[in-house]
């Protein structure tokens, strides 16, 4: 087999392992999922999986990156980066993401479970989630601040506080949707909140 063939086979194996890890971390949480369990579901040996990911923590971080890559479906976001979009595009992307998440139950479960587990300082994903929330808050705050300068915010909307509220609603809607997927429209609820902050709707 050529080196290209080995590389393609290795890439396919990594994708299989990461997708399986995403499923199992979503189902059982990080702490309750073992590398041996993931290897078994992949049809691999434990040493075979460790060849690609030397530790459970490394596998988790690669799986989270995989989640981010899969979650980034908008061409504009891929090209520019979420934190570089203009003010209204940031808010529209949040709503689009909420809509897309309705077709990604496993990923939503993963995020919901891990974000709670990772509040523990010794969790391997703790820093990842701290940085993720800080970056998201900063980007939404910047977006709302820019809209405020344009005179597009309703009176009383404070960008930093409103950004934290938007993120809290996003997370809360995901939990409600996991419990009642037929009764909760995450995108519509988030869009209603955001438009309530704006003089002119998105």
N, C-alpha and C. Protein backbone atom coordinates (compact mmCIF):
# COMPACT_ATOMS: atom_id res chain seq x y z
N UNK A 1 0.85 -1.20 0.00
CA UNK A 1 0.00 0.00 0.00
C UNK A 1 0.88 1.24 0.00
N UNK A 2 0.50 2.25 -0.75
CA UNK A 2 1.28 3.48 -0.81
C UNK A 2 1.12 4.28 0.47
N UNK A 3 2.03 5.25 0.62
CA UNK A 3 1.91 6.13 1.79
C UNK A 3 0.61 6.90 1.77
N UNK A 4 0.13 7.26 0.55
CA UNK A 4 -1.15 7.95 0.45
C UNK A 4 -2.28 7.05 0.92
N UNK A 5 -2.19 5.77 0.56
CA UNK A 5 -3.21 4.82 0.99
C UNK A 5 -3.22 4.66 2.49
N UNK A 6 -2.03 4.57 3.09
CA UNK A 6 -1.96 4.47 4.55
C UNK A 6 -2.51 5.73 5.20
N UNK A 7 -2.21 6.88 4.59
CA UNK A 7 -2.69 8.14 5.15
C UNK A 7 -4.21 8.21 5.11
N UNK A 8 -4.79 7.80 3.98
CA UNK A 8 -6.25 7.83 3.85
C UNK A 8 -6.90 6.87 4.85
N UNK A 9 -6.30 5.69 5.00
CA UNK A 9 -6.84 4.72 5.95
C UNK A 9 -6.72 5.26 7.37
N UNK A 10 -5.59 5.91 7.66
CA UNK A 10 -5.41 6.50 8.98
C UNK A 10 -6.40 7.61 9.25
N UNK A 11 -6.65 8.44 8.24
CA UNK A 11 -7.63 9.53 8.40
C UNK A 11 -9.02 8.96 8.65
N UNK A 12 -9.38 7.91 7.92
CA UNK A 12 -10.70 7.30 8.09
C UNK A 12 -10.84 6.71 9.49
N UNK A 13 -9.76 6.11 9.99
CA UNK A 13 -9.79 5.53 11.33
C UNK A 13 -9.97 6.62 12.38
N UNK A 14 -9.26 7.72 12.20
CA UNK A 14 -9.38 8.83 13.16
C UNK A 14 -10.80 9.37 13.18
N UNK A 15 -11.40 9.52 12.02
CA UNK A 15 -12.78 10.03 11.95
C UNK A 15 -13.72 9.06 12.65
N UNK A 16 -13.54 7.75 12.39
CA UNK A 16 -14.38 6.74 13.05
C UNK A 16 -14.25 6.84 14.57
N UNK A 17 -13.02 6.93 15.05
CA UNK A 17 -12.79 7.00 16.50
C UNK A 17 -13.41 8.26 17.08
N UNK A 18 -13.20 9.41 16.42
CA UNK A 18 -13.72 10.67 16.95
C UNK A 18 -15.24 10.69 16.94
N UNK A 19 -15.85 10.21 15.87
CA UNK A 19 -17.32 10.19 15.82
C UNK A 19 -17.89 9.24 16.87
N UNK A 20 -17.22 8.12 17.06
CA UNK A 20 -17.67 7.17 18.09
C UNK A 20 -17.49 7.76 19.48
N UNK A 21 -16.36 8.42 19.70
CA UNK A 21 -16.13 9.06 20.99
C UNK A 21 -17.18 10.12 21.26
N UNK A 22 -17.52 10.92 20.23
CA UNK A 22 -18.57 11.93 20.39
C UNK A 22 -19.89 11.28 20.83
N UNK A 23 -20.24 10.17 20.18
CA UNK A 23 -21.47 9.46 20.54
C UNK A 23 -21.44 8.98 21.98
N UNK A 24 -20.33 8.37 22.38
CA UNK A 24 -20.27 7.76 23.70
C UNK A 24 -20.12 8.79 24.81
N UNK A 25 -19.37 9.86 24.56
CA UNK A 25 -19.29 10.93 25.54
C UNK A 25 -20.66 11.57 25.70
N UNK A 26 -21.43 11.68 24.61
CA UNK A 26 -22.77 12.25 24.69
C UNK A 26 -23.70 11.33 25.48
N UNK A 27 -23.57 10.02 25.26
CA UNK A 27 -24.46 9.06 25.91
C UNK A 27 -24.17 8.92 27.40
N UNK A 28 -22.89 8.86 27.75
CA UNK A 28 -22.51 8.48 29.11
C UNK A 28 -21.73 9.54 29.88
N UNK A 29 -21.30 10.60 29.20
CA UNK A 29 -20.43 11.57 29.84
C UNK A 29 -18.98 11.14 29.71
N UNK A 30 -18.09 12.08 29.93
CA UNK A 30 -16.66 11.81 29.77
C UNK A 30 -16.15 10.84 30.83
N UNK A 31 -16.47 11.10 32.08
CA UNK A 31 -15.88 10.32 33.16
C UNK A 31 -16.34 8.86 33.14
N UNK A 32 -17.56 8.61 32.68
CA UNK A 32 -18.10 7.25 32.68
C UNK A 32 -17.78 6.47 31.42
N UNK A 33 -17.08 7.09 30.48
CA UNK A 33 -16.72 6.42 29.23
C UNK A 33 -15.24 6.08 29.25
N UNK A 34 -14.91 4.83 28.95
CA UNK A 34 -13.51 4.42 28.94
C UNK A 34 -13.00 4.33 27.50
N UNK A 35 -11.69 4.46 27.36
CA UNK A 35 -11.08 4.30 26.04
C UNK A 35 -11.30 2.88 25.52
N UNK A 36 -11.29 1.90 26.41
CA UNK A 36 -11.54 0.52 26.00
C UNK A 36 -12.94 0.37 25.42
N UNK A 37 -13.93 1.06 26.03
CA UNK A 37 -15.29 0.99 25.51
C UNK A 37 -15.38 1.59 24.11
N UNK A 38 -14.70 2.72 23.92
CA UNK A 38 -14.71 3.37 22.60
C UNK A 38 -14.04 2.47 21.58
N UNK A 39 -12.89 1.89 21.95
CA UNK A 39 -12.18 1.00 21.03
C UNK A 39 -13.06 -0.19 20.65
N UNK A 40 -13.75 -0.75 21.62
CA UNK A 40 -14.60 -1.92 21.35
C UNK A 40 -15.71 -1.57 20.37
N UNK A 41 -16.34 -0.41 20.55
CA UNK A 41 -17.41 -0.03 19.64
C UNK A 41 -16.88 0.23 18.23
N UNK A 42 -15.63 0.68 18.15
CA UNK A 42 -15.01 0.91 16.84
C UNK A 42 -14.50 -0.37 16.19
N UNK A 43 -14.52 -1.48 16.94
CA UNK A 43 -13.96 -2.73 16.43
C UNK A 43 -12.45 -2.73 16.42
N UNK A 44 -11.86 -1.98 17.34
CA UNK A 44 -10.41 -1.86 17.43
C UNK A 44 -9.93 -2.42 18.76
N UNK A 45 -8.62 -2.67 18.84
CA UNK A 45 -8.02 -3.00 20.13
C UNK A 45 -7.74 -1.71 20.90
N UNK A 46 -7.59 -1.87 22.19
CA UNK A 46 -7.24 -0.72 23.03
C UNK A 46 -5.91 -0.10 22.59
N UNK A 47 -4.84 -0.91 22.41
CA UNK A 47 -3.57 -0.33 21.92
C UNK A 47 -3.71 0.31 20.54
N UNK A 48 -4.57 -0.26 19.70
CA UNK A 48 -4.76 0.31 18.37
C UNK A 48 -5.34 1.72 18.43
N UNK A 49 -6.28 1.93 19.34
CA UNK A 49 -6.85 3.28 19.49
C UNK A 49 -5.81 4.23 20.07
N UNK A 50 -5.06 3.74 21.05
CA UNK A 50 -4.05 4.61 21.68
C UNK A 50 -2.94 4.99 20.71
N UNK A 51 -2.78 4.25 19.63
CA UNK A 51 -1.81 4.62 18.60
C UNK A 51 -2.19 5.97 17.98
N UNK A 52 -3.51 6.20 17.83
CA UNK A 52 -4.00 7.44 17.23
C UNK A 52 -4.18 8.55 18.28
N UNK A 53 -4.57 8.17 19.49
CA UNK A 53 -4.82 9.15 20.55
C UNK A 53 -4.20 8.60 21.83
N UNK A 54 -3.10 9.19 22.28
CA UNK A 54 -2.31 8.59 23.36
C UNK A 54 -2.97 8.59 24.74
N UNK A 55 -4.05 9.36 24.90
CA UNK A 55 -4.71 9.40 26.20
C UNK A 55 -6.18 9.73 26.02
N UNK A 56 -6.96 9.45 27.04
CA UNK A 56 -8.38 9.77 27.00
C UNK A 56 -8.59 11.28 26.90
N UNK A 57 -7.76 12.04 27.58
CA UNK A 57 -7.88 13.50 27.51
C UNK A 57 -7.59 14.00 26.10
N UNK A 58 -6.58 13.43 25.45
CA UNK A 58 -6.26 13.84 24.08
C UNK A 58 -7.41 13.50 23.14
N UNK A 59 -8.03 12.35 23.37
CA UNK A 59 -9.18 11.95 22.56
C UNK A 59 -10.34 12.91 22.76
N UNK A 60 -10.58 13.31 24.00
CA UNK A 60 -11.66 14.25 24.27
C UNK A 60 -11.44 15.58 23.55
N UNK A 61 -10.23 16.11 23.64
CA UNK A 61 -9.98 17.40 23.01
C UNK A 61 -10.09 17.32 21.49
N UNK A 62 -9.64 16.20 20.92
CA UNK A 62 -9.78 16.02 19.47
C UNK A 62 -11.25 15.88 19.10
N UNK A 63 -12.03 15.22 19.95
CA UNK A 63 -13.46 15.06 19.69
C UNK A 63 -14.17 16.41 19.76
N UNK A 64 -13.78 17.25 20.70
CA UNK A 64 -14.37 18.59 20.80
C UNK A 64 -14.03 19.42 19.57
N UNK A 65 -12.80 19.30 19.08
CA UNK A 65 -12.43 20.00 17.86
C UNK A 65 -13.25 19.48 16.69
N UNK A 66 -13.47 18.17 16.66
CA UNK A 66 -14.31 17.57 15.63
C UNK A 66 -15.72 18.14 15.70
N UNK A 67 -16.23 18.30 16.92
CA UNK A 67 -17.56 18.89 17.08
C UNK A 67 -17.60 20.29 16.51
N UNK A 68 -16.58 21.07 16.80
CA UNK A 68 -16.53 22.45 16.29
C UNK A 68 -16.48 22.46 14.77
N UNK A 69 -15.71 21.54 14.19
CA UNK A 69 -15.59 21.49 12.74
C UNK A 69 -16.92 21.11 12.09
N UNK A 70 -17.60 20.13 12.68
CA UNK A 70 -18.90 19.69 12.15
C UNK A 70 -19.94 20.78 12.34
N UNK A 71 -19.83 21.50 13.46
CA UNK A 71 -20.82 22.52 13.80
C UNK A 71 -20.70 23.75 12.91
N UNK A 72 -19.53 23.96 12.32
CA UNK A 72 -19.28 25.16 11.52
C UNK A 72 -19.70 24.89 10.08
N UNK A 73 -20.98 25.12 9.77
CA UNK A 73 -21.51 24.75 8.47
C UNK A 73 -21.69 25.95 7.55
N UNK A 74 -21.68 27.14 8.08
CA UNK A 74 -21.93 28.31 7.26
C UNK A 74 -20.65 28.74 6.55
N UNK A 75 -20.74 28.91 5.22
CA UNK A 75 -19.55 29.24 4.45
C UNK A 75 -18.89 30.52 4.90
N UNK A 76 -19.69 31.51 5.26
CA UNK A 76 -19.15 32.79 5.70
C UNK A 76 -18.36 32.61 6.99
N UNK A 77 -18.87 31.77 7.89
CA UNK A 77 -18.19 31.55 9.15
C UNK A 77 -16.88 30.80 8.92
N UNK A 78 -16.89 29.83 8.02
CA UNK A 78 -15.66 29.10 7.72
C UNK A 78 -14.59 30.05 7.16
N UNK A 79 -15.03 30.97 6.34
CA UNK A 79 -14.07 31.85 5.66
C UNK A 79 -13.53 32.92 6.61
N UNK A 80 -14.40 33.53 7.38
CA UNK A 80 -13.99 34.67 8.20
C UNK A 80 -13.67 34.30 9.65
N UNK A 81 -14.36 33.32 10.18
CA UNK A 81 -14.28 33.06 11.60
C UNK A 81 -15.41 33.78 12.31
N UNK A 82 -16.06 33.09 13.25
CA UNK A 82 -17.24 33.63 13.92
C UNK A 82 -16.99 34.99 14.54
N UNK A 83 -15.84 35.14 15.20
CA UNK A 83 -15.58 36.39 15.92
C UNK A 83 -15.23 37.56 15.01
N UNK A 84 -15.18 37.32 13.69
CA UNK A 84 -14.88 38.40 12.75
C UNK A 84 -16.10 38.80 11.91
N UNK A 85 -17.23 38.15 12.14
CA UNK A 85 -18.44 38.52 11.40
C UNK A 85 -18.93 39.89 11.85
N UNK A 86 -19.73 40.54 10.99
CA UNK A 86 -20.29 41.82 11.41
C UNK A 86 -21.40 41.59 12.43
N UNK A 87 -21.88 42.65 13.03
CA UNK A 87 -22.75 42.56 14.21
C UNK A 87 -23.99 41.71 13.96
N UNK A 88 -24.72 42.00 12.90
CA UNK A 88 -25.95 41.26 12.64
C UNK A 88 -25.66 39.82 12.20
N UNK A 89 -24.54 39.62 11.49
CA UNK A 89 -24.18 38.27 11.06
C UNK A 89 -23.90 37.36 12.26
N UNK A 90 -23.30 37.92 13.30
CA UNK A 90 -23.06 37.15 14.52
C UNK A 90 -24.38 36.63 15.08
N UNK A 91 -25.35 37.51 15.20
CA UNK A 91 -26.64 37.12 15.78
C UNK A 91 -27.38 36.15 14.87
N UNK A 92 -27.31 36.39 13.58
CA UNK A 92 -27.96 35.46 12.64
C UNK A 92 -27.32 34.08 12.71
N UNK A 93 -25.99 34.05 12.87
CA UNK A 93 -25.31 32.76 12.95
C UNK A 93 -25.73 31.98 14.20
N UNK A 94 -25.92 32.66 15.31
CA UNK A 94 -26.38 31.97 16.52
C UNK A 94 -27.74 31.31 16.28
N UNK A 95 -28.62 32.02 15.60
CA UNK A 95 -29.96 31.49 15.33
C UNK A 95 -29.88 30.32 14.35
N UNK A 96 -29.04 30.46 13.32
CA UNK A 96 -28.84 29.37 12.37
C UNK A 96 -28.27 28.14 13.06
N UNK A 97 -27.33 28.35 13.97
CA UNK A 97 -26.75 27.22 14.71
C UNK A 97 -27.80 26.51 15.54
N UNK A 98 -28.69 27.29 16.17
CA UNK A 98 -29.76 26.69 16.95
C UNK A 98 -30.67 25.84 16.06
N UNK A 99 -30.95 26.35 14.87
CA UNK A 99 -31.77 25.59 13.92
C UNK A 99 -31.07 24.30 13.49
N UNK A 100 -29.78 24.41 13.16
CA UNK A 100 -29.02 23.23 12.72
C UNK A 100 -28.90 22.19 13.83
N UNK A 101 -28.81 22.65 15.07
CA UNK A 101 -28.63 21.73 16.19
C UNK A 101 -29.83 20.81 16.38
N UNK A 102 -30.99 21.22 15.86
CA UNK A 102 -32.17 20.37 15.98
C UNK A 102 -32.01 19.06 15.21
N UNK A 103 -31.03 18.99 14.33
CA UNK A 103 -30.73 17.76 13.61
C UNK A 103 -29.49 17.06 14.12
N UNK A 104 -28.98 17.49 15.28
CA UNK A 104 -27.72 16.95 15.81
C UNK A 104 -27.86 16.62 17.28
N UNK A 105 -28.81 15.76 17.60
CA UNK A 105 -29.09 15.48 19.01
C UNK A 105 -27.84 15.01 19.76
N UNK A 106 -27.06 14.12 19.12
CA UNK A 106 -25.88 13.61 19.80
C UNK A 106 -24.90 14.71 20.17
N UNK A 107 -24.69 15.65 19.27
CA UNK A 107 -23.76 16.74 19.55
C UNK A 107 -24.30 17.66 20.63
N UNK A 108 -25.62 17.88 20.62
CA UNK A 108 -26.22 18.72 21.66
C UNK A 108 -26.08 18.05 23.01
N UNK A 109 -26.32 16.73 23.06
CA UNK A 109 -26.14 15.99 24.31
C UNK A 109 -24.70 16.07 24.79
N UNK A 110 -23.77 15.91 23.86
CA UNK A 110 -22.35 15.99 24.22
C UNK A 110 -22.03 17.32 24.87
N UNK A 111 -22.45 18.41 24.23
CA UNK A 111 -22.15 19.74 24.75
C UNK A 111 -22.80 19.94 26.12
N UNK A 112 -24.08 19.54 26.23
CA UNK A 112 -24.80 19.73 27.49
C UNK A 112 -24.13 18.95 28.63
N UNK A 113 -23.79 17.70 28.37
CA UNK A 113 -23.17 16.88 29.41
C UNK A 113 -21.77 17.37 29.77
N UNK A 114 -20.96 17.62 28.75
CA UNK A 114 -19.57 17.98 29.02
C UNK A 114 -19.44 19.36 29.63
N UNK A 115 -20.28 20.30 29.22
CA UNK A 115 -20.17 21.65 29.77
C UNK A 115 -20.43 21.65 31.27
N UNK A 116 -21.30 20.75 31.73
CA UNK A 116 -21.54 20.63 33.18
C UNK A 116 -20.37 19.92 33.85
N UNK A 117 -19.95 18.79 33.29
CA UNK A 117 -18.81 18.06 33.87
C UNK A 117 -17.58 18.95 33.96
N UNK A 118 -17.37 19.78 32.92
CA UNK A 118 -16.14 20.56 32.81
C UNK A 118 -16.10 21.76 33.75
N UNK A 119 -17.14 21.98 34.53
CA UNK A 119 -17.05 23.04 35.55
C UNK A 119 -16.04 22.66 36.64
N UNK A 120 -15.74 21.36 36.77
CA UNK A 120 -14.72 20.92 37.72
C UNK A 120 -13.35 21.33 37.20
N UNK A 121 -12.55 22.02 38.02
CA UNK A 121 -11.25 22.51 37.55
C UNK A 121 -10.30 21.42 37.07
N UNK A 122 -10.47 20.18 37.55
CA UNK A 122 -9.56 19.11 37.14
C UNK A 122 -10.03 18.36 35.90
N UNK A 123 -11.14 18.78 35.33
CA UNK A 123 -11.64 18.12 34.11
C UNK A 123 -10.77 18.53 32.93
N UNK A 124 -10.42 17.60 32.04
CA UNK A 124 -9.52 17.95 30.93
C UNK A 124 -10.09 18.98 29.96
N UNK A 125 -11.41 19.12 29.94
CA UNK A 125 -12.02 20.10 29.04
C UNK A 125 -12.36 21.41 29.75
N UNK A 126 -11.92 21.57 31.00
CA UNK A 126 -12.26 22.77 31.76
C UNK A 126 -11.80 24.04 31.04
N UNK A 127 -10.53 24.08 30.67
CA UNK A 127 -10.00 25.28 30.02
C UNK A 127 -10.66 25.52 28.67
N UNK A 128 -10.97 24.44 27.95
CA UNK A 128 -11.64 24.56 26.66
C UNK A 128 -12.96 25.30 26.82
N UNK A 129 -13.77 24.89 27.80
CA UNK A 129 -15.08 25.51 27.97
C UNK A 129 -14.98 26.92 28.55
N UNK A 130 -14.02 27.15 29.43
CA UNK A 130 -13.81 28.51 29.93
C UNK A 130 -13.50 29.45 28.77
N UNK A 131 -12.57 29.02 27.91
CA UNK A 131 -12.20 29.85 26.76
C UNK A 131 -13.36 29.98 25.77
N UNK A 132 -14.09 28.88 25.56
CA UNK A 132 -15.19 28.90 24.61
C UNK A 132 -16.25 29.92 25.03
N UNK A 133 -16.64 29.88 26.30
CA UNK A 133 -17.66 30.81 26.78
C UNK A 133 -17.15 32.24 26.79
N UNK A 134 -15.90 32.42 27.17
CA UNK A 134 -15.34 33.77 27.18
C UNK A 134 -15.31 34.37 25.78
N UNK A 135 -14.91 33.56 24.81
CA UNK A 135 -14.85 34.03 23.42
C UNK A 135 -16.24 34.33 22.90
N UNK A 136 -17.18 33.44 23.17
CA UNK A 136 -18.55 33.64 22.71
C UNK A 136 -19.16 34.89 23.33
N UNK A 137 -18.94 35.08 24.65
CA UNK A 137 -19.45 36.27 25.33
C UNK A 137 -18.86 37.53 24.74
N UNK A 138 -17.55 37.50 24.51
CA UNK A 138 -16.88 38.68 23.96
C UNK A 138 -17.40 39.01 22.57
N UNK A 139 -17.62 37.99 21.75
CA UNK A 139 -18.08 38.22 20.38
C UNK A 139 -19.50 38.77 20.37
N UNK A 140 -20.38 38.20 21.18
CA UNK A 140 -21.77 38.68 21.22
C UNK A 140 -21.82 40.08 21.84
N UNK A 141 -21.00 40.33 22.84
CA UNK A 141 -20.94 41.66 23.44
C UNK A 141 -20.48 42.69 22.41
N UNK A 142 -19.45 42.34 21.65
CA UNK A 142 -18.96 43.24 20.60
C UNK A 142 -20.05 43.50 19.57
N UNK A 143 -20.76 42.46 19.18
CA UNK A 143 -21.85 42.61 18.21
C UNK A 143 -22.92 43.57 18.72
N UNK A 144 -23.34 43.38 19.96
CA UNK A 144 -24.39 44.23 20.52
C UNK A 144 -23.88 45.66 20.75
N UNK A 145 -22.61 45.79 21.11
CA UNK A 145 -22.03 47.12 21.29
C UNK A 145 -22.04 47.88 19.97
N UNK A 146 -21.65 47.19 18.89
CA UNK A 146 -21.67 47.82 17.57
C UNK A 146 -23.09 48.24 17.19
N UNK A 147 -24.06 47.38 17.47
CA UNK A 147 -25.45 47.72 17.16
C UNK A 147 -25.92 48.90 18.01
N UNK A 148 -25.43 48.96 19.26
CA UNK A 148 -25.77 50.10 20.11
C UNK A 148 -25.25 51.40 19.55
N UNK A 149 -24.04 51.37 19.01
CA UNK A 149 -23.48 52.59 18.41
C UNK A 149 -24.29 53.02 17.19
N UNK A 150 -24.90 52.05 16.52
CA UNK A 150 -25.72 52.38 15.35
C UNK A 150 -27.12 52.84 15.75
N UNK A 151 -27.42 52.78 17.05
CA UNK A 151 -28.76 53.14 17.50
C UNK A 151 -29.77 52.05 17.22
N UNK A 152 -29.30 50.80 17.10
CA UNK A 152 -30.18 49.70 16.73
C UNK A 152 -30.71 48.90 17.92
N UNK A 153 -30.22 49.20 19.14
CA UNK A 153 -30.69 48.48 20.32
C UNK A 153 -31.84 49.22 20.99
N UNK A 154 -32.72 48.45 21.58
CA UNK A 154 -33.80 49.07 22.36
C UNK A 154 -33.23 49.69 23.63
N UNK A 155 -33.87 50.71 24.16
CA UNK A 155 -33.40 51.34 25.40
C UNK A 155 -33.31 50.32 26.53
N UNK A 156 -32.25 50.44 27.31
CA UNK A 156 -32.07 49.57 28.46
C UNK A 156 -31.28 48.31 28.20
N UNK A 157 -30.98 48.00 26.92
CA UNK A 157 -30.20 46.81 26.61
C UNK A 157 -28.72 47.12 26.84
N UNK A 158 -28.11 46.43 27.79
CA UNK A 158 -26.69 46.59 28.11
C UNK A 158 -25.94 45.45 27.44
N UNK A 159 -25.05 45.74 26.50
CA UNK A 159 -24.43 44.68 25.69
C UNK A 159 -23.84 43.52 26.47
N UNK A 160 -23.03 43.79 27.50
CA UNK A 160 -22.40 42.70 28.24
C UNK A 160 -23.40 41.82 28.95
N UNK A 161 -24.41 42.45 29.55
CA UNK A 161 -25.45 41.68 30.25
C UNK A 161 -26.30 40.92 29.24
N UNK A 162 -26.67 41.58 28.15
CA UNK A 162 -27.50 40.94 27.14
C UNK A 162 -26.78 39.75 26.50
N UNK A 163 -25.46 39.86 26.30
CA UNK A 163 -24.70 38.75 25.73
C UNK A 163 -24.76 37.53 26.64
N UNK A 164 -24.59 37.74 27.95
CA UNK A 164 -24.68 36.63 28.89
C UNK A 164 -26.08 36.03 28.87
N UNK A 165 -27.10 36.87 28.73
CA UNK A 165 -28.48 36.36 28.67
C UNK A 165 -28.71 35.52 27.42
N UNK A 166 -28.20 35.98 26.30
CA UNK A 166 -28.36 35.23 25.05
C UNK A 166 -27.74 33.84 25.17
N UNK A 167 -26.53 33.79 25.72
CA UNK A 167 -25.83 32.51 25.85
C UNK A 167 -26.56 31.60 26.84
N UNK A 168 -27.04 32.17 27.93
CA UNK A 168 -27.78 31.38 28.91
C UNK A 168 -29.05 30.80 28.29
N UNK A 169 -29.74 31.60 27.50
CA UNK A 169 -30.95 31.12 26.83
C UNK A 169 -30.61 30.01 25.84
N UNK A 170 -29.53 30.17 25.09
CA UNK A 170 -29.12 29.12 24.16
C UNK A 170 -28.92 27.80 24.88
N UNK A 171 -28.18 27.82 25.99
CA UNK A 171 -27.92 26.60 26.74
C UNK A 171 -29.20 26.03 27.33
N UNK A 172 -30.03 26.90 27.90
CA UNK A 172 -31.28 26.44 28.50
C UNK A 172 -32.23 25.85 27.47
N UNK A 173 -32.27 26.44 26.30
CA UNK A 173 -33.12 25.91 25.23
C UNK A 173 -32.65 24.52 24.79
N UNK A 174 -31.34 24.31 24.78
CA UNK A 174 -30.84 23.00 24.39
C UNK A 174 -31.30 21.93 25.38
N UNK A 175 -31.25 22.23 26.67
CA UNK A 175 -31.70 21.25 27.67
C UNK A 175 -33.20 21.00 27.51
N UNK A 176 -33.98 22.06 27.35
CA UNK A 176 -35.42 21.90 27.17
C UNK A 176 -35.73 21.08 25.92
N UNK A 177 -34.98 21.34 24.84
CA UNK A 177 -35.20 20.61 23.60
C UNK A 177 -34.84 19.14 23.74
N UNK A 178 -33.76 18.83 24.46
CA UNK A 178 -33.40 17.43 24.68
C UNK A 178 -34.51 16.69 25.42
N UNK A 179 -35.20 17.39 26.31
CA UNK A 179 -36.28 16.77 27.07
C UNK A 179 -37.59 16.74 26.29
N UNK A 180 -37.79 17.71 25.41
CA UNK A 180 -39.05 17.81 24.67
C UNK A 180 -38.80 18.33 23.26
N UNK A 181 -38.22 17.51 22.39
CA UNK A 181 -37.84 17.98 21.06
C UNK A 181 -39.01 18.43 20.20
N UNK A 182 -40.18 17.88 20.43
CA UNK A 182 -41.35 18.28 19.65
C UNK A 182 -41.95 19.59 20.14
N UNK A 183 -41.74 19.90 21.40
CA UNK A 183 -42.39 21.08 21.98
C UNK A 183 -41.54 22.34 21.97
N UNK A 184 -40.24 22.21 21.67
CA UNK A 184 -39.34 23.35 21.75
C UNK A 184 -38.74 23.63 20.38
N UNK A 185 -38.90 24.87 19.92
CA UNK A 185 -38.25 25.34 18.69
C UNK A 185 -37.13 26.27 19.11
N UNK A 186 -35.91 25.73 19.18
CA UNK A 186 -34.78 26.50 19.71
C UNK A 186 -34.52 27.75 18.89
N UNK A 187 -34.54 27.63 17.58
CA UNK A 187 -34.23 28.77 16.72
C UNK A 187 -35.27 29.87 16.87
N UNK A 188 -36.54 29.51 16.89
CA UNK A 188 -37.60 30.51 17.00
C UNK A 188 -37.54 31.23 18.34
N UNK A 189 -37.28 30.47 19.41
CA UNK A 189 -37.22 31.08 20.74
C UNK A 189 -36.03 32.03 20.84
N UNK A 190 -34.88 31.62 20.29
CA UNK A 190 -33.70 32.47 20.34
C UNK A 190 -33.89 33.71 19.48
N UNK A 191 -34.48 33.53 18.31
CA UNK A 191 -34.73 34.67 17.43
C UNK A 191 -35.67 35.67 18.09
N UNK A 192 -36.66 35.18 18.80
CA UNK A 192 -37.57 36.07 19.52
C UNK A 192 -36.86 36.89 20.57
N UNK A 193 -35.94 36.25 21.31
CA UNK A 193 -35.17 36.97 22.33
C UNK A 193 -34.30 38.04 21.69
N UNK A 194 -33.56 37.66 20.64
CA UNK A 194 -32.66 38.61 19.99
C UNK A 194 -33.43 39.77 19.39
N UNK A 195 -34.50 39.48 18.69
CA UNK A 195 -35.28 40.57 18.07
C UNK A 195 -35.91 41.49 19.11
N UNK A 196 -36.16 40.94 20.30
CA UNK A 196 -36.68 41.78 21.37
C UNK A 196 -35.68 42.81 21.87
N UNK A 197 -34.42 42.60 21.55
CA UNK A 197 -33.37 43.55 21.94
C UNK A 197 -33.14 44.62 20.88
N UNK A 198 -33.66 44.38 19.67
CA UNK A 198 -33.36 45.25 18.54
C UNK A 198 -34.55 46.11 18.17
N UNK A 199 -34.28 47.32 17.69
CA UNK A 199 -35.35 48.20 17.21
C UNK A 199 -35.92 47.64 15.92
N UNK A 200 -35.05 47.19 15.02
CA UNK A 200 -35.47 46.54 13.78
C UNK A 200 -35.06 45.07 13.85
N UNK A 201 -35.98 44.14 13.59
CA UNK A 201 -35.63 42.70 13.68
C UNK A 201 -34.59 42.32 12.65
N UNK A 202 -33.94 41.20 12.91
CA UNK A 202 -32.93 40.69 11.98
C UNK A 202 -33.57 40.37 10.63
